[in-house]
Amino acid sequence: MPARNALAERMAARLSAAGFTSRVTHRNDHICIEVEVQESVAAESWRELLAVLDTADRFGLVVNGSGHTAWADIDEETPATEATVRGHGRQL
């Protein structure tokens, strides 16, 4: 788990360097990083945001009446330790 926490902290630092204010929260089985995205964002900041999101296990962008929120989830367990990867679950 420490490696996953370090990954979340690196992602948050990269987002801060790109001009975003990030929130990191620990949930039951994952770490969530969220940032509010303003209407006018520089192209370089958008590229960095997308590059950071691409390092997550899951990510998305929520659009609502108050603006845009980008989010990224990092699983607490790495895929190599999950039962389905080891062949103990249903696989396609």
PDB file of N, CA and C in Angstrom:
ATOM      1  N   MET A   1       0.789  -1.211   0.000  1.00  0.00           N
ATOM      2  CA  MET A   1       0.000   0.000   0.000  1.00  0.00           C
ATOM      3  C   MET A   1       0.832   1.277   0.000  1.00  0.00           C
ATOM      4  N   PRO A   2       1.990   1.301   0.626  1.00  0.00           N
ATOM      5  CA  PRO A   2       2.756   2.545   0.606  1.00  0.00           C
ATOM      6  C   PRO A   2       3.060   3.029  -0.812  1.00  0.00           C
ATOM      7  N   ALA A   3       3.298   2.105  -1.735  1.00  0.00           N
ATOM      8  CA  ALA A   3       3.574   2.505  -3.117  1.00  0.00           C
ATOM      9  C   ALA A   3       2.359   3.179  -3.736  1.00  0.00           C
ATOM     10  N   ARG A   4       1.165   2.690  -3.425  1.00  0.00           N
ATOM     11  CA  ARG A   4      -0.059   3.282  -3.967  1.00  0.00           C
ATOM     12  C   ARG A   4      -0.290   4.677  -3.365  1.00  0.00           C
ATOM     13  N   ASN A   5       0.030   4.843  -2.080  1.00  0.00           N
ATOM     14  CA  ASN A   5      -0.072   6.160  -1.448  1.00  0.00           C
ATOM     15  C   ASN A   5       0.922   7.131  -2.076  1.00  0.00           C
ATOM     16  N   ALA A   6       2.130   6.646  -2.339  1.00  0.00           N
ATOM     17  CA  ALA A   6       3.141   7.486  -2.968  1.00  0.00           C
ATOM     18  C   ALA A   6       2.709   7.897  -4.369  1.00  0.00           C
ATOM     19  N   LEU A   7       2.085   6.978  -5.099  1.00  0.00           N
ATOM     20  CA  LEU A   7       1.580   7.302  -6.435  1.00  0.00           C
ATOM     21  C   LEU A   7       0.537   8.409  -6.346  1.00  0.00           C
ATOM     22  N   ALA A   8      -0.378   8.305  -5.414  1.00  0.00           N
ATOM     23  CA  ALA A   8      -1.416   9.335  -5.243  1.00  0.00           C
ATOM     24  C   ALA A   8      -0.790  10.686  -4.914  1.00  0.00           C
ATOM     25  N   GLU A   9       0.213  10.690  -4.056  1.00  0.00           N
ATOM     26  CA  GLU A   9       0.881  11.945  -3.700  1.00  0.00           C
ATOM     27  C   GLU A   9       1.622  12.544  -4.890  1.00  0.00           C
ATOM     28  N   ARG A  10       2.270  11.701  -5.701  1.00  0.00           N
ATOM     29  CA  ARG A  10       2.942  12.198  -6.913  1.00  0.00           C
ATOM     30  C   ARG A  10       1.935  12.783  -7.891  1.00  0.00           C
ATOM     31  N   MET A  11       0.794  12.109  -8.049  1.00  0.00           N
ATOM     32  CA  MET A  11      -0.240  12.619  -8.951  1.00  0.00           C
ATOM     33  C   MET A  11      -0.748  13.978  -8.463  1.00  0.00           C
ATOM     34  N   ALA A  12      -1.006  14.091  -7.172  1.00  0.00           N
ATOM     35  CA  ALA A  12      -1.487  15.354  -6.603  1.00  0.00           C
ATOM     36  C   ALA A  12      -0.453  16.466  -6.781  1.00  0.00           C
ATOM     37  N   ALA A  13       0.822  16.136  -6.607  1.00  0.00           N
ATOM     38  CA  ALA A  13       1.885  17.128  -6.788  1.00  0.00           C
ATOM     39  C   ALA A  13       1.960  17.604  -8.234  1.00  0.00           C
ATOM     40  N   ARG A  14       1.841  16.677  -9.176  1.00  0.00           N
ATOM     41  CA  ARG A  14       1.857  17.051 -10.597  1.00  0.00           C
ATOM     42  C   ARG A  14       0.671  17.948 -10.930  1.00  0.00           C
ATOM     43  N   LEU A  15      -0.494  17.625 -10.382  1.00  0.00           N
ATOM     44  CA  LEU A  15      -1.675  18.452 -10.634  1.00  0.00           C
ATOM     45  C   LEU A  15      -1.500  19.850 -10.044  1.00  0.00           C
ATOM     46  N   SER A  16      -0.931  19.920  -8.860  1.00  0.00           N
ATOM     47  CA  SER A  16      -0.675  21.232  -8.245  1.00  0.00           C
ATOM     48  C   SER A  16       0.298  22.047  -9.086  1.00  0.00           C
ATOM     49  N   ALA A  17       1.343  21.397  -9.592  1.00  0.00           N
ATOM     50  CA  ALA A  17       2.314  22.086 -10.437  1.00  0.00           C
ATOM     51  C   ALA A  17       1.680  22.591 -11.731  1.00  0.00           C
ATOM     52  N   ALA A  18       0.616  21.917 -12.183  1.00  0.00           N
ATOM     53  CA  ALA A  18      -0.080  22.333 -13.407  1.00  0.00           C
ATOM     54  C   ALA A  18      -1.138  23.399 -13.124  1.00  0.00           C
ATOM     55  N   GLY A  19      -1.278  23.789 -11.848  1.00  0.00           N
ATOM     56  CA  GLY A  19      -2.207  24.873 -11.513  1.00  0.00           C
ATOM     57  C   GLY A  19      -3.541  24.426 -10.954  1.00  0.00           C
ATOM     58  N   PHE A  20      -3.703  23.152 -10.651  1.00  0.00           N
ATOM     59  CA  PHE A  20      -4.950  22.635 -10.093  1.00  0.00           C
ATOM     60  C   PHE A  20      -4.802  22.455  -8.586  1.00  0.00           C
ATOM     61  N   THR A  21      -5.919  22.563  -7.884  1.00  0.00           N
ATOM     62  CA  THR A  21      -5.950  22.278  -6.456  1.00  0.00           C
ATOM     63  C   THR A  21      -6.570  20.904  -6.285  1.00  0.00           C
ATOM     64  N   SER A  22      -5.799  19.974  -5.769  1.00  0.00           N
ATOM     65  CA  SER A  22      -6.285  18.598  -5.682  1.00  0.00           C
ATOM     66  C   SER A  22      -6.728  18.254  -4.269  1.00  0.00           C
ATOM     67  N   ARG A  23      -7.651  17.292  -4.194  1.00  0.00           N
ATOM     68  CA  ARG A  23      -8.116  16.717  -2.933  1.00  0.00           C
ATOM     69  C   ARG A  23      -7.838  15.222  -3.008  1.00  0.00           C
ATOM     70  N   VAL A  24      -7.160  14.699  -2.026  1.00  0.00           N
ATOM     71  CA  VAL A  24      -6.866  13.267  -1.958  1.00  0.00           C
ATOM     72  C   VAL A  24      -7.649  12.696  -0.789  1.00  0.00           C
ATOM     73  N   THR A  25      -8.491  11.696  -1.075  1.00  0.00           N
ATOM     74  CA  THR A  25      -9.261  11.046  -0.015  1.00  0.00           C
ATOM     75  C   THR A  25      -9.061   9.539  -0.098  1.00  0.00           C
ATOM     76  N   HIS A  26      -8.985   8.925   1.067  1.00  0.00           N
ATOM     77  CA  HIS A  26      -8.850   7.472   1.148  1.00  0.00           C
ATOM     78  C   HIS A  26     -10.235   6.893   1.388  1.00  0.00           C
ATOM     79  N   ARG A  27     -10.660   6.024   0.501  1.00  0.00           N
ATOM     80  CA  ARG A  27     -11.959   5.383   0.618  1.00  0.00           C
ATOM     81  C   ARG A  27     -11.752   3.927   1.023  1.00  0.00           C
ATOM     82  N   ASN A  28     -12.795   3.123   1.047  1.00  0.00           N
ATOM     83  CA  ASN A  28     -12.692   1.733   1.499  1.00  0.00           C
ATOM     84  C   ASN A  28     -11.592   0.944   0.811  1.00  0.00           C
ATOM     85  N   ASP A  29     -11.591   0.942  -0.515  1.00  0.00           N
ATOM     86  CA  ASP A  29     -10.643   0.106  -1.244  1.00  0.00           C
ATOM     87  C   ASP A  29      -9.838   0.857  -2.295  1.00  0.00           C
ATOM     88  N   HIS A  30      -9.919   2.187  -2.258  1.00  0.00           N
ATOM     89  CA  HIS A  30      -9.175   2.970  -3.239  1.00  0.00           C
ATOM     90  C   HIS A  30      -8.862   4.365  -2.705  1.00  0.00           C
ATOM     91  N   ILE A  31      -7.968   5.023  -3.407  1.00  0.00           N
ATOM     92  CA  ILE A  31      -7.608   6.407  -3.120  1.00  0.00           C
ATOM     93  C   ILE A  31      -8.192   7.248  -4.247  1.00  0.00           C
ATOM     94  N   CYS A  32      -8.858   8.332  -3.906  1.00  0.00           N
ATOM     95  CA  CYS A  32      -9.485   9.203  -4.908  1.00  0.00           C
ATOM     96  C   CYS A  32      -8.793  10.565  -4.912  1.00  0.00           C
ATOM     97  N   ILE A  33      -8.454  11.032  -6.103  1.00  0.00           N
ATOM     98  CA  ILE A  33      -7.874  12.355  -6.292  1.00  0.00           C
ATOM     99  C   ILE A  33      -8.850  13.144  -7.150  1.00  0.00           C
ATOM    100  N   GLU A  34      -9.257  14.306  -6.679  1.00  0.00           N
ATOM    101  CA  GLU A  34     -10.203  15.144  -7.411  1.00  0.00           C
ATOM    102  C   GLU A  34      -9.645  16.549  -7.577  1.00  0.00           C
ATOM    103  N   VAL A  35      -9.967  17.164  -8.708  1.00  0.00           N
ATOM    104  CA  VAL A  35      -9.605  18.563  -8.953  1.00  0.00           C
ATOM    105  C   VAL A  35     -10.781  19.260  -9.621  1.00  0.00           C
ATOM    106  N   GLU A  36     -10.958  20.515  -9.274  1.00  0.00           N
ATOM    107  CA  GLU A  36     -11.939  21.350  -9.964  1.00  0.00           C
ATOM    108  C   GLU A  36     -11.247  21.917 -11.201  1.00  0.00           C
ATOM    109  N   VAL A  37     -11.939  21.875 -12.324  1.00  0.00           N
ATOM    110  CA  VAL A  37     -11.376  22.344 -13.588  1.00  0.00           C
ATOM    111  C   VAL A  37     -12.145  23.583 -14.020  1.00  0.00           C
ATOM    112  N   GLN A  38     -11.443  24.690 -14.129  1.00  0.00           N
ATOM    113  CA  GLN A  38     -12.057  25.952 -14.526  1.00  0.00           C
ATOM    114  C   GLN A  38     -12.377  25.955 -16.022  1.00  0.00           C
ATOM    115  N   GLU A  39     -13.266  26.846 -16.424  1.00  0.00           N
ATOM    116  CA  GLU A  39     -13.650  26.954 -17.835  1.00  0.00           C
ATOM    117  C   GLU A  39     -12.453  27.288 -18.729  1.00  0.00           C
ATOM    118  N   SER A  40     -11.596  28.183 -18.259  1.00  0.00           N
ATOM    119  CA  SER A  40     -10.447  28.581 -19.079  1.00  0.00           C
ATOM    120  C   SER A  40      -9.175  27.960 -18.500  1.00  0.00           C
ATOM    121  N   VAL A  41      -8.752  26.871 -19.116  1.00  0.00           N
ATOM    122  CA  VAL A  41      -7.548  26.166 -18.693  1.00  0.00           C
ATOM    123  C   VAL A  41      -6.565  26.176 -19.859  1.00  0.00           C
ATOM    124  N   ALA A  42      -5.322  26.489 -19.555  1.00  0.00           N
ATOM    125  CA  ALA A  42      -4.293  26.514 -20.595  1.00  0.00           C
ATOM    126  C   ALA A  42      -4.126  25.123 -21.191  1.00  0.00           C
ATOM    127  N   ALA A  43      -3.779  25.087 -22.462  1.00  0.00           N
ATOM    128  CA  ALA A  43      -3.616  23.805 -23.167  1.00  0.00           C
ATOM    129  C   ALA A  43      -2.582  22.918 -22.478  1.00  0.00           C
ATOM    130  N   GLU A  44      -1.489  23.502 -22.005  1.00  0.00           N
ATOM    131  CA  GLU A  44      -0.459  22.701 -21.335  1.00  0.00           C
ATOM    132  C   GLU A  44      -0.996  22.090 -20.036  1.00  0.00           C
ATOM    133  N   SER A  45      -1.827  22.834 -19.315  1.00  0.00           N
ATOM    134  CA  SER A  45      -2.432  22.305 -18.084  1.00  0.00           C
ATOM    135  C   SER A  45      -3.381  21.157 -18.400  1.00  0.00           C
ATOM    136  N   TRP A  46      -4.150  21.282 -19.491  1.00  0.00           N
ATOM    137  CA  TRP A  46      -5.042  20.191 -19.902  1.00  0.00           C
ATOM    138  C   TRP A  46      -4.236  18.942 -20.235  1.00  0.00           C
ATOM    139  N   ARG A  47      -3.136  19.122 -20.964  1.00  0.00           N
ATOM    140  CA  ARG A  47      -2.299  17.971 -21.326  1.00  0.00           C
ATOM    141  C   ARG A  47      -1.750  17.280 -20.082  1.00  0.00           C
ATOM    142  N   GLU A  48      -1.301  18.073 -19.114  1.00  0.00           N
ATOM    143  CA  GLU A  48      -0.768  17.478 -17.886  1.00  0.00           C
ATOM    144  C   GLU A  48      -1.883  16.788 -17.102  1.00  0.00           C
ATOM    145  N   LEU A  49      -3.057  17.399 -17.053  1.00  0.00           N
ATOM    146  CA  LEU A  49      -4.195  16.773 -16.375  1.00  0.00           C
ATOM    147  C   LEU A  49      -4.495  15.414 -16.999  1.00  0.00           C
ATOM    148  N   LEU A  50      -4.569  15.358 -18.311  1.00  0.00           N
ATOM    149  CA  LEU A  50      -4.849  14.091 -18.991  1.00  0.00           C
ATOM    150  C   LEU A  50      -3.734  13.073 -18.783  1.00  0.00           C
ATOM    151  N   ALA A  51      -2.498  13.518 -18.777  1.00  0.00           N
ATOM    152  CA  ALA A  51      -1.376  12.607 -18.545  1.00  0.00           C
ATOM    153  C   ALA A  51      -1.437  12.027 -17.136  1.00  0.00           C
ATOM    154  N   VAL A  52      -1.783  12.852 -16.159  1.00  0.00           N
ATOM    155  CA  VAL A  52      -1.896  12.369 -14.773  1.00  0.00           C
ATOM    156  C   VAL A  52      -3.061  11.396 -14.652  1.00  0.00           C
ATOM    157  N   LEU A  53      -4.207  11.748 -15.234  1.00  0.00           N
ATOM    158  CA  LEU A  53      -5.371  10.868 -15.158  1.00  0.00           C
ATOM    159  C   LEU A  53      -5.067   9.508 -15.780  1.00  0.00           C
ATOM    160  N   ASP A  54      -4.268   9.505 -16.819  1.00  0.00           N
ATOM    161  CA  ASP A  54      -3.943   8.256 -17.519  1.00  0.00           C
ATOM    162  C   ASP A  54      -3.130   7.290 -16.658  1.00  0.00           C
ATOM    163  N   THR A  55      -2.531   7.767 -15.573  1.00  0.00           N
ATOM    164  CA  THR A  55      -1.758   6.897 -14.696  1.00  0.00           C
ATOM    165  C   THR A  55      -2.627   6.225 -13.637  1.00  0.00           C
ATOM    166  N   ALA A  56      -3.899   6.591 -13.564  1.00  0.00           N
ATOM    167  CA  ALA A  56      -4.806   6.039 -12.554  1.00  0.00           C
ATOM    168  C   ALA A  56      -5.419   4.718 -13.025  1.00  0.00           C
ATOM    169  N   ASP A  57      -6.012   4.000 -12.082  1.00  0.00           N
ATOM    170  CA  ASP A  57      -6.732   2.773 -12.427  1.00  0.00           C
ATOM    171  C   ASP A  57      -8.065   3.087 -13.106  1.00  0.00           C
ATOM    172  N   ARG A  58      -8.705   4.173 -12.689  1.00  0.00           N
ATOM    173  CA  ARG A  58      -9.948   4.665 -13.287  1.00  0.00           C
ATOM    174  C   ARG A  58      -9.947   6.177 -13.197  1.00  0.00           C
ATOM    175  N   PHE A  59     -10.586   6.840 -14.161  1.00  0.00           N
ATOM    176  CA  PHE A  59     -10.674   8.294 -14.095  1.00  0.00           C
ATOM    177  C   PHE A  59     -11.891   8.766 -14.860  1.00  0.00           C
ATOM    178  N   GLY A  60     -12.249  10.033 -14.645  1.00  0.00           N
ATOM    179  CA  GLY A  60     -13.382  10.587 -15.349  1.00  0.00           C
ATOM    180  C   GLY A  60     -13.484  12.083 -15.148  1.00  0.00           C
ATOM    181  N   LEU A  61     -14.489  12.662 -15.785  1.00  0.00           N
ATOM    182  CA  LEU A  61     -14.769  14.088 -15.689  1.00  0.00           C
ATOM    183  C   LEU A  61     -16.261  14.241 -15.475  1.00  0.00           C
ATOM    184  N   VAL A  62     -16.627  14.924 -14.409  1.00  0.00           N
ATOM    185  CA  VAL A  62     -18.026  15.150 -14.089  1.00  0.00           C
ATOM    186  C   VAL A  62     -18.338  16.605 -14.402  1.00  0.00           C
ATOM    187  N   VAL A  63     -19.399  16.826 -15.170  1.00  0.00           N
ATOM    188  CA  VAL A  63     -19.840  18.177 -15.501  1.00  0.00           C
ATOM    189  C   VAL A  63     -21.168  18.404 -14.812  1.00  0.00           C
ATOM    190  N   ASN A  64     -21.225  19.463 -14.007  1.00  0.00           N
ATOM    191  CA  ASN A  64     -22.482  19.794 -13.342  1.00  0.00           C
ATOM    192  C   ASN A  64     -22.689  21.300 -13.385  1.00  0.00           C
ATOM    193  N   GLY A  65     -23.729  21.764 -12.748  1.00  0.00           N
ATOM    194  CA  GLY A  65     -24.064  23.183 -12.784  1.00  0.00           C
ATOM    195  C   GLY A  65     -23.001  24.092 -12.210  1.00  0.00           C
ATOM    196  N   SER A  66     -22.186  23.586 -11.317  1.00  0.00           N
ATOM    197  CA  SER A  66     -21.177  24.433 -10.677  1.00  0.00           C
ATOM    198  C   SER A  66     -19.797  24.318 -11.330  1.00  0.00           C
ATOM    199  N   GLY A  67     -19.658  23.523 -12.367  1.00  0.00           N
ATOM    200  CA  GLY A  67     -18.377  23.422 -13.054  1.00  0.00           C
ATOM    201  C   GLY A  67     -18.012  22.010 -13.443  1.00  0.00           C
ATOM    202  N   HIS A  68     -16.714  21.754 -13.499  1.00  0.00           N
ATOM    203  CA  HIS A  68     -16.188  20.459 -13.910  1.00  0.00           C
ATOM    204  C   HIS A  68     -15.283  19.915 -12.804  1.00  0.00           C
ATOM    205  N   THR A  69     -15.407  18.622 -12.534  1.00  0.00           N
ATOM    206  CA  THR A  69     -14.536  17.952 -11.578  1.00  0.00           C
ATOM    207  C   THR A  69     -13.908  16.752 -12.265  1.00  0.00           C
ATOM    208  N   ALA A  70     -12.582  16.736 -12.312  1.00  0.00           N
ATOM    209  CA  ALA A  70     -11.859  15.573 -12.824  1.00  0.00           C
ATOM    210  C   ALA A  70     -11.503  14.709 -11.625  1.00  0.00           C
ATOM    211  N   TRP A  71     -11.605  13.389 -11.802  1.00  0.00           N
ATOM    212  CA  TRP A  71     -11.295  12.482 -10.697  1.00  0.00           C
ATOM    213  C   TRP A  71     -10.475  11.307 -11.211  1.00  0.00           C
ATOM    214  N   ALA A  72      -9.698  10.755 -10.292  1.00  0.00           N
ATOM    215  CA  ALA A  72      -8.883   9.579 -10.583  1.00  0.00           C
ATOM    216  C   ALA A  72      -8.916   8.669  -9.365  1.00  0.00           C
ATOM    217  N   ASP A  73      -9.077   7.384  -9.595  1.00  0.00           N
ATOM    218  CA  ASP A  73      -9.054   6.392  -8.521  1.00  0.00           C
ATOM    219  C   ASP A  73      -7.827   5.504  -8.665  1.00  0.00           C
ATOM    220  N   ILE A  74      -7.217   5.214  -7.539  1.00  0.00           N
ATOM    221  CA  ILE A  74      -6.101   4.278  -7.474  1.00  0.00           C
ATOM    222  C   ILE A  74      -6.521   3.179  -6.516  1.00  0.00           C
ATOM    223  N   ASP A  75      -6.534   1.952  -6.997  1.00  0.00           N
ATOM    224  CA  ASP A  75      -6.886   0.824  -6.141  1.00  0.00           C
ATOM    225  C   ASP A  75      -5.862   0.674  -5.029  1.00  0.00           C
ATOM    226  N   GLU A  76      -6.344   0.336  -3.831  1.00  0.00           N
ATOM    227  CA  GLU A  76      -5.436   0.126  -2.693  1.00  0.00           C
ATOM    228  C   GLU A  76      -4.538  -1.085  -2.922  1.00  0.00           C
ATOM    229  N   GLU A  77      -5.063  -2.119  -3.579  1.00  0.00           N
ATOM    230  CA  GLU A  77      -4.272  -3.306  -3.872  1.00  0.00           C
ATOM    231  C   GLU A  77      -3.819  -3.250  -5.317  1.00  0.00           C
ATOM    232  N   THR A  78      -2.598  -3.641  -5.555  1.00  0.00           N
ATOM    233  CA  THR A  78      -2.111  -3.695  -6.929  1.00  0.00           C
ATOM    234  C   THR A  78      -2.733  -4.898  -7.622  1.00  0.00           C
ATOM    235  N   PRO A  79      -2.907  -4.854  -8.930  1.00  0.00           N
ATOM    236  CA  PRO A  79      -3.534  -5.975  -9.649  1.00  0.00           C
ATOM    237  C   PRO A  79      -2.855  -7.317  -9.394  1.00  0.00           C
ATOM    238  N   ALA A  80      -1.564  -7.352  -9.160  1.00  0.00           N
ATOM    239  CA  ALA A  80      -0.858  -8.619  -8.950  1.00  0.00           C
ATOM    240  C   ALA A  80      -1.302  -9.327  -7.670  1.00  0.00           C
ATOM    241  N   THR A  81      -1.945  -8.605  -6.750  1.00  0.00           N
ATOM    242  CA  THR A  81      -2.372  -9.223  -5.499  1.00  0.00           C
ATOM    243  C   THR A  81      -3.864  -9.539  -5.492  1.00  0.00           C
ATOM    244  N   GLU A  82      -4.563  -9.188  -6.543  1.00  0.00           N
ATOM    245  CA  GLU A  82      -5.987  -9.461  -6.590  1.00  0.00           C
ATOM    246  C   GLU A  82      -6.239 -10.909  -6.989  1.00  0.00           C
ATOM    247  N   ALA A  83      -7.290 -11.491  -6.442  1.00  0.00           N
ATOM    248  CA  ALA A  83      -7.584 -12.913  -6.661  1.00  0.00           C
ATOM    249  C   ALA A  83      -7.793 -13.251  -8.136  1.00  0.00           C
ATOM    250  N   THR A  84      -8.459 -12.384  -8.902  1.00  0.00           N
ATOM    251  CA  THR A  84      -8.736 -12.716 -10.299  1.00  0.00           C
ATOM    252  C   THR A  84      -7.460 -12.791 -11.124  1.00  0.00           C
ATOM    253  N   VAL A  85      -6.474 -12.016 -10.792  1.00  0.00           N
ATOM    254  CA  VAL A  85      -5.213 -12.060 -11.526  1.00  0.00           C
ATOM    255  C   VAL A  85      -4.492 -13.365 -11.241  1.00  0.00           C
ATOM    256  N   ARG A  86      -4.628 -13.869 -10.035  1.00  0.00           N
ATOM    257  CA  ARG A  86      -3.961 -15.105  -9.662  1.00  0.00           C
ATOM    258  C   ARG A  86      -4.741 -16.333 -10.087  1.00  0.00           C
ATOM    259  N   GLY A  87      -5.880 -16.148 -10.745  1.00  0.00           N
ATOM    260  CA  GLY A  87      -6.631 -17.282 -11.244  1.00  0.00           C
ATOM    261  C   GLY A  87      -7.669 -17.843 -10.287  1.00  0.00           C
ATOM    262  N   HIS A  88      -8.009 -17.093  -9.248  1.00  0.00           N
ATOM    263  CA  HIS A  88      -8.991 -17.561  -8.281  1.00  0.00           C
ATOM    264  C   HIS A  88     -10.378 -16.982  -8.510  1.00  0.00           C
ATOM    265  N   GLY A  89     -10.577 -16.324  -9.593  1.00  0.00           N
ATOM    266  CA  GLY A  89     -11.879 -15.726  -9.888  1.00  0.00           C
ATOM    267  C   GLY A  89     -12.243 -15.955 -11.330  1.00  0.00           C
ATOM    268  N   ARG A  90     -13.380 -15.442 -11.720  1.00  0.00           N
ATOM    269  CA  ARG A  90     -13.795 -15.575 -13.112  1.00  0.00           C
ATOM    270  C   ARG A  90     -12.983 -14.670 -13.978  1.00  0.00           C
ATOM    271  N   GLN A  91     -12.494 -15.187 -15.077  1.00  0.00           N
ATOM    272  CA  GLN A  91     -11.747 -14.404 -16.031  1.00  0.00           C
ATOM    273  C   GLN A  91     -12.364 -14.586 -17.401  1.00  0.00           C
ATOM    274  N   LEU A  92     -12.258 -13.574 -18.211  1.00  0.00           N
ATOM    275  CA  LEU A  92     -12.771 -13.650 -19.588  1.00  0.00           C
ATOM    276  C   LEU A  92     -11.744 -14.226 -20.505  1.00  0.00           C
TER     277      LEU A  92
END
